[in-house]
Amino acid sequence: MAIPRPGALQDTYLAEVKRQAVPVTIYLVNGFQLRGVVKGFDPFTIVLEYEKKAHLIYKHAVSTISPLGAVAGPLVPDEAEVAAS
């Protein structure tokens, strides 16, 4: 069994909410909440769009990401996908 690379699950989850344009609430470690749609992400940041404005959020400040609707699709990367990474 392949060992998943660090960040594989968060990348899969963020890719699905981005692809489906599911609105999310991002809770920051300071208690602040941001709502919007994920437009992009990389290993260190998330771009969240709200009211046609893009907000760059550093992942180290994120506590939780909650979708406002159902997220369909595979949220756990399969072994073949992880092995190919």
PDB file of N, CA and C in Angstrom:
ATOM      1  N   MET A   1       0.837  -1.178   0.000  1.00  0.00           N
ATOM      2  CA  MET A   1       0.000   0.000   0.000  1.00  0.00           C
ATOM      3  C   MET A   1       0.884   1.245   0.000  1.00  0.00           C
ATOM      4  N   ALA A   2       0.557   2.176  -0.862  1.00  0.00           N
ATOM      5  CA  ALA A   2       1.336   3.406  -0.964  1.00  0.00           C
ATOM      6  C   ALA A   2       1.029   4.337   0.200  1.00  0.00           C
ATOM      7  N   ILE A   3       2.039   5.049   0.629  1.00  0.00           N
ATOM      8  CA  ILE A   3       1.851   6.038   1.688  1.00  0.00           C
ATOM      9  C   ILE A   3       1.401   7.339   1.029  1.00  0.00           C
ATOM     10  N   PRO A   4       0.246   7.877   1.458  1.00  0.00           N
ATOM     11  CA  PRO A   4      -0.227   9.113   0.836  1.00  0.00           C
ATOM     12  C   PRO A   4       0.745  10.263   1.076  1.00  0.00           C
ATOM     13  N   ARG A   5       0.914  11.094   0.085  1.00  0.00           N
ATOM     14  CA  ARG A   5       1.788  12.248   0.246  1.00  0.00           C
ATOM     15  C   ARG A   5       1.082  13.278   1.119  1.00  0.00           C
ATOM     16  N   PRO A   6       1.820  14.073   1.856  1.00  0.00           N
ATOM     17  CA  PRO A   6       1.208  15.095   2.701  1.00  0.00           C
ATOM     18  C   PRO A   6       0.376  16.062   1.867  1.00  0.00           C
ATOM     19  N   GLY A   7      -0.824  16.352   2.315  1.00  0.00           N
ATOM     20  CA  GLY A   7      -1.679  17.290   1.606  1.00  0.00           C
ATOM     21  C   GLY A   7      -2.580  16.673   0.565  1.00  0.00           C
ATOM     22  N   ALA A   8      -2.474  15.365   0.321  1.00  0.00           N
ATOM     23  CA  ALA A   8      -3.272  14.739  -0.734  1.00  0.00           C
ATOM     24  C   ALA A   8      -4.769  14.868  -0.466  1.00  0.00           C
ATOM     25  N   LEU A   9      -5.202  14.673   0.765  1.00  0.00           N
ATOM     26  CA  LEU A   9      -6.625  14.757   1.083  1.00  0.00           C
ATOM     27  C   LEU A   9      -7.120  16.197   0.985  1.00  0.00           C
ATOM     28  N   GLN A  10      -6.365  17.147   1.495  1.00  0.00           N
ATOM     29  CA  GLN A  10      -6.823  18.535   1.404  1.00  0.00           C
ATOM     30  C   GLN A  10      -6.868  19.000  -0.044  1.00  0.00           C
ATOM     31  N   ASP A  11      -5.927  18.558  -0.871  1.00  0.00           N
ATOM     32  CA  ASP A  11      -5.942  18.921  -2.287  1.00  0.00           C
ATOM     33  C   ASP A  11      -7.175  18.350  -2.976  1.00  0.00           C
ATOM     34  N   THR A  12      -7.505  17.088  -2.678  1.00  0.00           N
ATOM     35  CA  THR A  12      -8.673  16.446  -3.274  1.00  0.00           C
ATOM     36  C   THR A  12      -9.948  17.167  -2.854  1.00  0.00           C
ATOM     37  N   TYR A  13     -10.061  17.467  -1.571  1.00  0.00           N
ATOM     38  CA  TYR A  13     -11.245  18.146  -1.046  1.00  0.00           C
ATOM     39  C   TYR A  13     -11.399  19.538  -1.669  1.00  0.00           C
ATOM     40  N   LEU A  14     -10.334  20.317  -1.666  1.00  0.00           N
ATOM     41  CA  LEU A  14     -10.398  21.663  -2.238  1.00  0.00           C
ATOM     42  C   LEU A  14     -10.683  21.629  -3.735  1.00  0.00           C
ATOM     43  N   ALA A  15     -10.114  20.652  -4.437  1.00  0.00           N
ATOM     44  CA  ALA A  15     -10.369  20.526  -5.874  1.00  0.00           C
ATOM     45  C   ALA A  15     -11.843  20.238  -6.146  1.00  0.00           C
ATOM     46  N   GLU A  16     -12.463  19.399  -5.315  1.00  0.00           N
ATOM     47  CA  GLU A  16     -13.886  19.077  -5.502  1.00  0.00           C
ATOM     48  C   GLU A  16     -14.785  20.268  -5.204  1.00  0.00           C
ATOM     49  N   VAL A  17     -14.551  20.977  -4.107  1.00  0.00           N
ATOM     50  CA  VAL A  17     -15.407  22.135  -3.822  1.00  0.00           C
ATOM     51  C   VAL A  17     -15.189  23.238  -4.859  1.00  0.00           C
ATOM     52  N   LYS A  18     -13.976  23.331  -5.394  1.00  0.00           N
ATOM     53  CA  LYS A  18     -13.712  24.296  -6.465  1.00  0.00           C
ATOM     54  C   LYS A  18     -14.426  23.878  -7.744  1.00  0.00           C
ATOM     55  N   ARG A  19     -14.281  22.616  -8.138  1.00  0.00           N
ATOM     56  CA  ARG A  19     -14.888  22.123  -9.377  1.00  0.00           C
ATOM     57  C   ARG A  19     -16.405  22.258  -9.354  1.00  0.00           C
ATOM     58  N   GLN A  20     -17.006  21.948  -8.197  1.00  0.00           N
ATOM     59  CA  GLN A  20     -18.463  21.997  -8.074  1.00  0.00           C
ATOM     60  C   GLN A  20     -18.977  23.385  -7.693  1.00  0.00           C
ATOM     61  N   ALA A  21     -18.070  24.315  -7.432  1.00  0.00           N
ATOM     62  CA  ALA A  21     -18.425  25.683  -7.022  1.00  0.00           C
ATOM     63  C   ALA A  21     -19.360  25.689  -5.820  1.00  0.00           C
ATOM     64  N   VAL A  22     -19.089  24.793  -4.863  1.00  0.00           N
ATOM     65  CA  VAL A  22     -19.881  24.715  -3.635  1.00  0.00           C
ATOM     66  C   VAL A  22     -19.452  25.858  -2.712  1.00  0.00           C
ATOM     67  N   PRO A  23     -20.388  26.696  -2.273  1.00  0.00           N
ATOM     68  CA  PRO A  23     -20.018  27.736  -1.305  1.00  0.00           C
ATOM     69  C   PRO A  23     -19.510  27.102  -0.007  1.00  0.00           C
ATOM     70  N   VAL A  24     -18.498  27.707   0.577  1.00  0.00           N
ATOM     71  CA  VAL A  24     -17.911  27.182   1.808  1.00  0.00           C
ATOM     72  C   VAL A  24     -17.809  28.290   2.851  1.00  0.00           C
ATOM     73  N   THR A  25     -17.721  27.864   4.098  1.00  0.00           N
ATOM     74  CA  THR A  25     -17.347  28.756   5.188  1.00  0.00           C
ATOM     75  C   THR A  25     -15.976  28.307   5.654  1.00  0.00           C
ATOM     76  N   ILE A  26     -15.027  29.214   5.664  1.00  0.00           N
ATOM     77  CA  ILE A  26     -13.685  28.926   6.155  1.00  0.00           C
ATOM     78  C   ILE A  26     -13.553  29.582   7.524  1.00  0.00           C
ATOM     79  N   TYR A  27     -13.294  28.755   8.528  1.00  0.00           N
ATOM     80  CA  TYR A  27     -13.101  29.236   9.894  1.00  0.00           C
ATOM     81  C   TYR A  27     -11.606  29.408  10.127  1.00  0.00           C
ATOM     82  N   LEU A  28     -11.220  30.576  10.578  1.00  0.00           N
ATOM     83  CA  LEU A  28      -9.818  30.842  10.859  1.00  0.00           C
ATOM     84  C   LEU A  28      -9.508  30.549  12.323  1.00  0.00           C
ATOM     85  N   VAL A  29      -8.239  30.365  12.629  1.00  0.00           N
ATOM     86  CA  VAL A  29      -7.842  30.031  13.995  1.00  0.00           C
ATOM     87  C   VAL A  29      -8.161  31.153  14.989  1.00  0.00           C
ATOM     88  N   ASN A  30      -8.331  32.376  14.501  1.00  0.00           N
ATOM     89  CA  ASN A  30      -8.684  33.488  15.393  1.00  0.00           C
ATOM     90  C   ASN A  30     -10.195  33.612  15.595  1.00  0.00           C
ATOM     91  N   GLY A  31     -10.976  32.672  15.015  1.00  0.00           N
ATOM     92  CA  GLY A  31     -12.421  32.670  15.180  1.00  0.00           C
ATOM     93  C   GLY A  31     -13.176  33.378  14.068  1.00  0.00           C
ATOM     94  N   PHE A  32     -12.490  34.109  13.214  1.00  0.00           N
ATOM     95  CA  PHE A  32     -13.130  34.818  12.110  1.00  0.00           C
ATOM     96  C   PHE A  32     -13.653  33.818  11.089  1.00  0.00           C
ATOM     97  N   GLN A  33     -14.770  34.151  10.426  1.00  0.00           N
ATOM     98  CA  GLN A  33     -15.348  33.282   9.407  1.00  0.00           C
ATOM     99  C   GLN A  33     -15.366  34.009   8.066  1.00  0.00           C
ATOM    100  N   LEU A  34     -15.018  33.285   7.011  1.00  0.00           N
ATOM    101  CA  LEU A  34     -15.079  33.810   5.652  1.00  0.00           C
ATOM    102  C   LEU A  34     -15.973  32.888   4.835  1.00  0.00           C
ATOM    103  N   ARG A  35     -16.872  33.472   4.054  1.00  0.00           N
ATOM    104  CA  ARG A  35     -17.760  32.667   3.215  1.00  0.00           C
ATOM    105  C   ARG A  35     -17.529  33.034   1.759  1.00  0.00           C
ATOM    106  N   GLY A  36     -17.587  32.023   0.895  1.00  0.00           N
ATOM    107  CA  GLY A  36     -17.417  32.272  -0.521  1.00  0.00           C
ATOM    108  C   GLY A  36     -17.209  30.979  -1.276  1.00  0.00           C
ATOM    109  N   VAL A  37     -16.664  31.110  -2.479  1.00  0.00           N
ATOM    110  CA  VAL A  37     -16.410  29.970  -3.357  1.00  0.00           C
ATOM    111  C   VAL A  37     -14.904  29.880  -3.597  1.00  0.00           C
ATOM    112  N   VAL A  38     -14.366  28.681  -3.465  1.00  0.00           N
ATOM    113  CA  VAL A  38     -12.930  28.462  -3.692  1.00  0.00           C
ATOM    114  C   VAL A  38     -12.640  28.610  -5.184  1.00  0.00           C
ATOM    115  N   LYS A  39     -11.748  29.517  -5.518  1.00  0.00           N
ATOM    116  CA  LYS A  39     -11.371  29.750  -6.914  1.00  0.00           C
ATOM    117  C   LYS A  39     -10.003  29.175  -7.253  1.00  0.00           C
ATOM    118  N   GLY A  40      -9.203  28.887  -6.234  1.00  0.00           N
ATOM    119  CA  GLY A  40      -7.883  28.327  -6.470  1.00  0.00           C
ATOM    120  C   GLY A  40      -7.192  28.038  -5.151  1.00  0.00           C
ATOM    121  N   PHE A  41      -6.107  27.273  -5.245  1.00  0.00           N
ATOM    122  CA  PHE A  41      -5.331  26.943  -4.052  1.00  0.00           C
ATOM    123  C   PHE A  41      -3.976  26.417  -4.476  1.00  0.00           C
ATOM    124  N   ASP A  42      -3.039  26.485  -3.559  1.00  0.00           N
ATOM    125  CA  ASP A  42      -1.720  25.893  -3.743  1.00  0.00           C
ATOM    126  C   ASP A  42      -1.310  25.314  -2.388  1.00  0.00           C
ATOM    127  N   PRO A  43      -0.091  24.846  -2.229  1.00  0.00           N
ATOM    128  CA  PRO A  43       0.275  24.235  -0.944  1.00  0.00           C
ATOM    129  C   PRO A  43       0.179  25.172   0.266  1.00  0.00           C
ATOM    130  N   PHE A  44       0.151  26.490   0.042  1.00  0.00           N
ATOM    131  CA  PHE A  44       0.176  27.422   1.170  1.00  0.00           C
ATOM    132  C   PHE A  44      -1.026  28.350   1.277  1.00  0.00           C
ATOM    133  N   THR A  45      -1.790  28.507   0.201  1.00  0.00           N
ATOM    134  CA  THR A  45      -2.870  29.495   0.199  1.00  0.00           C
ATOM    135  C   THR A  45      -4.145  28.962  -0.453  1.00  0.00           C
ATOM    136  N   ILE A  46      -5.244  29.658  -0.164  1.00  0.00           N
ATOM    137  CA  ILE A  46      -6.540  29.398  -0.797  1.00  0.00           C
ATOM    138  C   ILE A  46      -7.056  30.743  -1.297  1.00  0.00           C
ATOM    139  N   VAL A  47      -7.575  30.771  -2.521  1.00  0.00           N
ATOM    140  CA  VAL A  47      -8.224  31.973  -3.038  1.00  0.00           C
ATOM    141  C   VAL A  47      -9.725  31.752  -2.929  1.00  0.00           C
ATOM    142  N   LEU A  48     -10.387  32.624  -2.168  1.00  0.00           N
ATOM    143  CA  LEU A  48     -11.820  32.539  -1.927  1.00  0.00           C
ATOM    144  C   LEU A  48     -12.472  33.771  -2.533  1.00  0.00           C
ATOM    145  N   GLU A  49     -13.515  33.558  -3.353  1.00  0.00           N
ATOM    146  CA  GLU A  49     -14.220  34.687  -3.960  1.00  0.00           C
ATOM    147  C   GLU A  49     -15.535  34.922  -3.240  1.00  0.00           C
ATOM    148  N   TYR A  50     -15.770  36.186  -2.868  1.00  0.00           N
ATOM    149  CA  TYR A  50     -17.015  36.584  -2.220  1.00  0.00           C
ATOM    150  C   TYR A  50     -17.384  37.970  -2.735  1.00  0.00           C
ATOM    151  N   GLU A  51     -18.621  38.116  -3.217  1.00  0.00           N
ATOM    152  CA  GLU A  51     -19.102  39.377  -3.785  1.00  0.00           C
ATOM    153  C   GLU A  51     -18.137  39.930  -4.832  1.00  0.00           C
ATOM    154  N   LYS A  52     -17.691  39.057  -5.727  1.00  0.00           N
ATOM    155  CA  LYS A  52     -16.809  39.398  -6.847  1.00  0.00           C
ATOM    156  C   LYS A  52     -15.444  39.943  -6.423  1.00  0.00           C
ATOM    157  N   LYS A  53     -15.044  39.653  -5.184  1.00  0.00           N
ATOM    158  CA  LYS A  53     -13.712  40.025  -4.711  1.00  0.00           C
ATOM    159  C   LYS A  53     -12.962  38.758  -4.334  1.00  0.00           C
ATOM    160  N   ALA A  54     -11.693  38.711  -4.696  1.00  0.00           N
ATOM    161  CA  ALA A  54     -10.859  37.556  -4.361  1.00  0.00           C
ATOM    162  C   ALA A  54     -10.114  37.831  -3.060  1.00  0.00           C
ATOM    163  N   HIS A  55     -10.129  36.851  -2.175  1.00  0.00           N
ATOM    164  CA  HIS A  55      -9.428  36.949  -0.897  1.00  0.00           C
ATOM    165  C   HIS A  55      -8.372  35.851  -0.845  1.00  0.00           C
ATOM    166  N   LEU A  56      -7.138  36.210  -0.568  1.00  0.00           N
ATOM    167  CA  LEU A  56      -6.052  35.246  -0.438  1.00  0.00           C
ATOM    168  C   LEU A  56      -5.913  34.887   1.037  1.00  0.00           C
ATOM    169  N   ILE A  57      -6.103  33.608   1.345  1.00  0.00           N
ATOM    170  CA  ILE A  57      -6.076  33.132   2.729  1.00  0.00           C
ATOM    171  C   ILE A  57      -4.898  32.182   2.879  1.00  0.00           C
ATOM    172  N   TYR A  58      -4.085  32.409   3.873  1.00  0.00           N
ATOM    173  CA  TYR A  58      -2.977  31.503   4.143  1.00  0.00           C
ATOM    174  C   TYR A  58      -3.489  30.291   4.910  1.00  0.00           C
ATOM    175  N   LYS A  59      -3.136  29.100   4.445  1.00  0.00           N
ATOM    176  CA  LYS A  59      -3.642  27.866   5.050  1.00  0.00           C
ATOM    177  C   LYS A  59      -3.260  27.724   6.519  1.00  0.00           C
ATOM    178  N   HIS A  60      -2.129  28.280   6.931  1.00  0.00           N
ATOM    179  CA  HIS A  60      -1.743  28.135   8.341  1.00  0.00           C
ATOM    180  C   HIS A  60      -2.724  28.856   9.266  1.00  0.00           C
ATOM    181  N   ALA A  61      -3.544  29.758   8.709  1.00  0.00           N
ATOM    182  CA  ALA A  61      -4.542  30.480   9.501  1.00  0.00           C
ATOM    183  C   ALA A  61      -5.898  29.785   9.506  1.00  0.00           C
ATOM    184  N   VAL A  62      -6.048  28.695   8.735  1.00  0.00           N
ATOM    185  CA  VAL A  62      -7.337  28.006   8.600  1.00  0.00           C
ATOM    186  C   VAL A  62      -7.480  26.924   9.657  1.00  0.00           C
ATOM    187  N   SER A  63      -8.643  26.919  10.286  1.00  0.00           N
ATOM    188  CA  SER A  63      -8.979  25.881  11.255  1.00  0.00           C
ATOM    189  C   SER A  63      -9.846  24.809  10.603  1.00  0.00           C
ATOM    190  N   THR A  64     -10.920  25.233   9.921  1.00  0.00           N
ATOM    191  CA  THR A  64     -11.907  24.309   9.359  1.00  0.00           C
ATOM    192  C   THR A  64     -12.463  24.877   8.064  1.00  0.00           C
ATOM    193  N   ILE A  65     -12.801  23.981   7.132  1.00  0.00           N
ATOM    194  CA  ILE A  65     -13.513  24.371   5.918  1.00  0.00           C
ATOM    195  C   ILE A  65     -14.800  23.566   5.881  1.00  0.00           C
ATOM    196  N   SER A  66     -15.947  24.273   5.888  1.00  0.00           N
ATOM    197  CA  SER A  66     -17.254  23.611   5.883  1.00  0.00           C
ATOM    198  C   SER A  66     -18.023  24.002   4.632  1.00  0.00           C
ATOM    199  N   PRO A  67     -18.459  23.008   3.845  1.00  0.00           N
ATOM    200  CA  PRO A  67     -19.274  23.329   2.677  1.00  0.00           C
ATOM    201  C   PRO A  67     -20.687  23.708   3.118  1.00  0.00           C
ATOM    202  N   LEU A  68     -21.324  24.610   2.371  1.00  0.00           N
ATOM    203  CA  LEU A  68     -22.693  24.997   2.671  1.00  0.00           C
ATOM    204  C   LEU A  68     -23.690  24.064   1.994  1.00  0.00           C
ATOM    205  N   GLY A  69     -23.196  23.142   1.185  1.00  0.00           N
ATOM    206  CA  GLY A  69     -24.030  22.148   0.524  1.00  0.00           C
ATOM    207  C   GLY A  69     -23.279  20.837   0.454  1.00  0.00           C
ATOM    208  N   ALA A  70     -23.915  19.869  -0.174  1.00  0.00           N
ATOM    209  CA  ALA A  70     -23.288  18.553  -0.314  1.00  0.00           C
ATOM    210  C   ALA A  70     -22.141  18.618  -1.327  1.00  0.00           C
ATOM    211  N   VAL A  71     -21.096  17.858  -1.044  1.00  0.00           N
ATOM    212  CA  VAL A  71     -19.964  17.741  -1.959  1.00  0.00           C
ATOM    213  C   VAL A  71     -19.993  16.326  -2.509  1.00  0.00           C
ATOM    214  N   ALA A  72     -20.274  16.200  -3.797  1.00  0.00           N
ATOM    215  CA  ALA A  72     -20.346  14.884  -4.430  1.00  0.00           C
ATOM    216  C   ALA A  72     -18.973  14.505  -4.959  1.00  0.00           C
ATOM    217  N   GLY A  73     -18.788  13.215  -5.180  1.00  0.00           N
ATOM    218  CA  GLY A  73     -17.541  12.766  -5.775  1.00  0.00           C
ATOM    219  C   GLY A  73     -16.584  12.184  -4.768  1.00  0.00           C
ATOM    220  N   PRO A  74     -15.477  11.652  -5.271  1.00  0.00           N
ATOM    221  CA  PRO A  74     -14.494  11.007  -4.394  1.00  0.00           C
ATOM    222  C   PRO A  74     -13.710  12.042  -3.593  1.00  0.00           C
ATOM    223  N   LEU A  75     -13.787  11.942  -2.278  1.00  0.00           N
ATOM    224  CA  LEU A  75     -13.040  12.872  -1.435  1.00  0.00           C
ATOM    225  C   LEU A  75     -11.780  12.253  -0.873  1.00  0.00           C
ATOM    226  N   VAL A  76     -11.622  10.944  -1.051  1.00  0.00           N
ATOM    227  CA  VAL A  76     -10.410  10.273  -0.601  1.00  0.00           C
ATOM    228  C   VAL A  76      -9.672   9.806  -1.844  1.00  0.00           C
ATOM    229  N   PRO A  77      -8.434  10.257  -2.054  1.00  0.00           N
ATOM    230  CA  PRO A  77      -7.701   9.843  -3.246  1.00  0.00           C
ATOM    231  C   PRO A  77      -7.451   8.338  -3.235  1.00  0.00           C
ATOM    232  N   ASP A  78      -7.621   7.723  -4.401  1.00  0.00           N
ATOM    233  CA  ASP A  78      -7.385   6.278  -4.449  1.00  0.00           C
ATOM    234  C   ASP A  78      -5.891   5.990  -4.535  1.00  0.00           C
ATOM    235  N   GLU A  79      -5.535   4.720  -4.328  1.00  0.00           N
ATOM    236  CA  GLU A  79      -4.117   4.335  -4.280  1.00  0.00           C
ATOM    237  C   GLU A  79      -3.391   4.644  -5.575  1.00  0.00           C
ATOM    238  N   ALA A  80      -4.059   4.432  -6.719  1.00  0.00           N
ATOM    239  CA  ALA A  80      -3.411   4.676  -8.003  1.00  0.00           C
ATOM    240  C   ALA A  80      -3.070   6.157  -8.161  1.00  0.00           C
ATOM    241  N   GLU A  81      -3.985   7.019  -7.727  1.00  0.00           N
ATOM    242  CA  GLU A  81      -3.753   8.452  -7.823  1.00  0.00           C
ATOM    243  C   GLU A  81      -2.605   8.886  -6.924  1.00  0.00           C
ATOM    244  N   VAL A  82      -2.554   8.350  -5.716  1.00  0.00           N
ATOM    245  CA  VAL A  82      -1.498   8.694  -4.768  1.00  0.00           C
ATOM    246  C   VAL A  82      -0.155   8.169  -5.262  1.00  0.00           C
ATOM    247  N   ALA A  83      -0.133   6.942  -5.792  1.00  0.00           N
ATOM    248  CA  ALA A  83       1.109   6.341  -6.268  1.00  0.00           C
ATOM    249  C   ALA A  83       1.676   7.116  -7.459  1.00  0.00           C
ATOM    250  N   ALA A  84       0.782   7.692  -8.279  1.00  0.00           N
ATOM    251  CA  ALA A  84       1.225   8.440  -9.444  1.00  0.00           C
ATOM    252  C   ALA A  84       1.806   9.799  -9.070  1.00  0.00           C
ATOM    253  N   SER A  85       1.501  10.278  -7.878  1.00  0.00           N
ATOM    254  CA  SER A  85       1.974  11.610  -7.454  1.00  0.00           C
ATOM    255  C   SER A  85       3.438  11.597  -7.107  1.00  0.00           C
TER     256      SER A  85
END
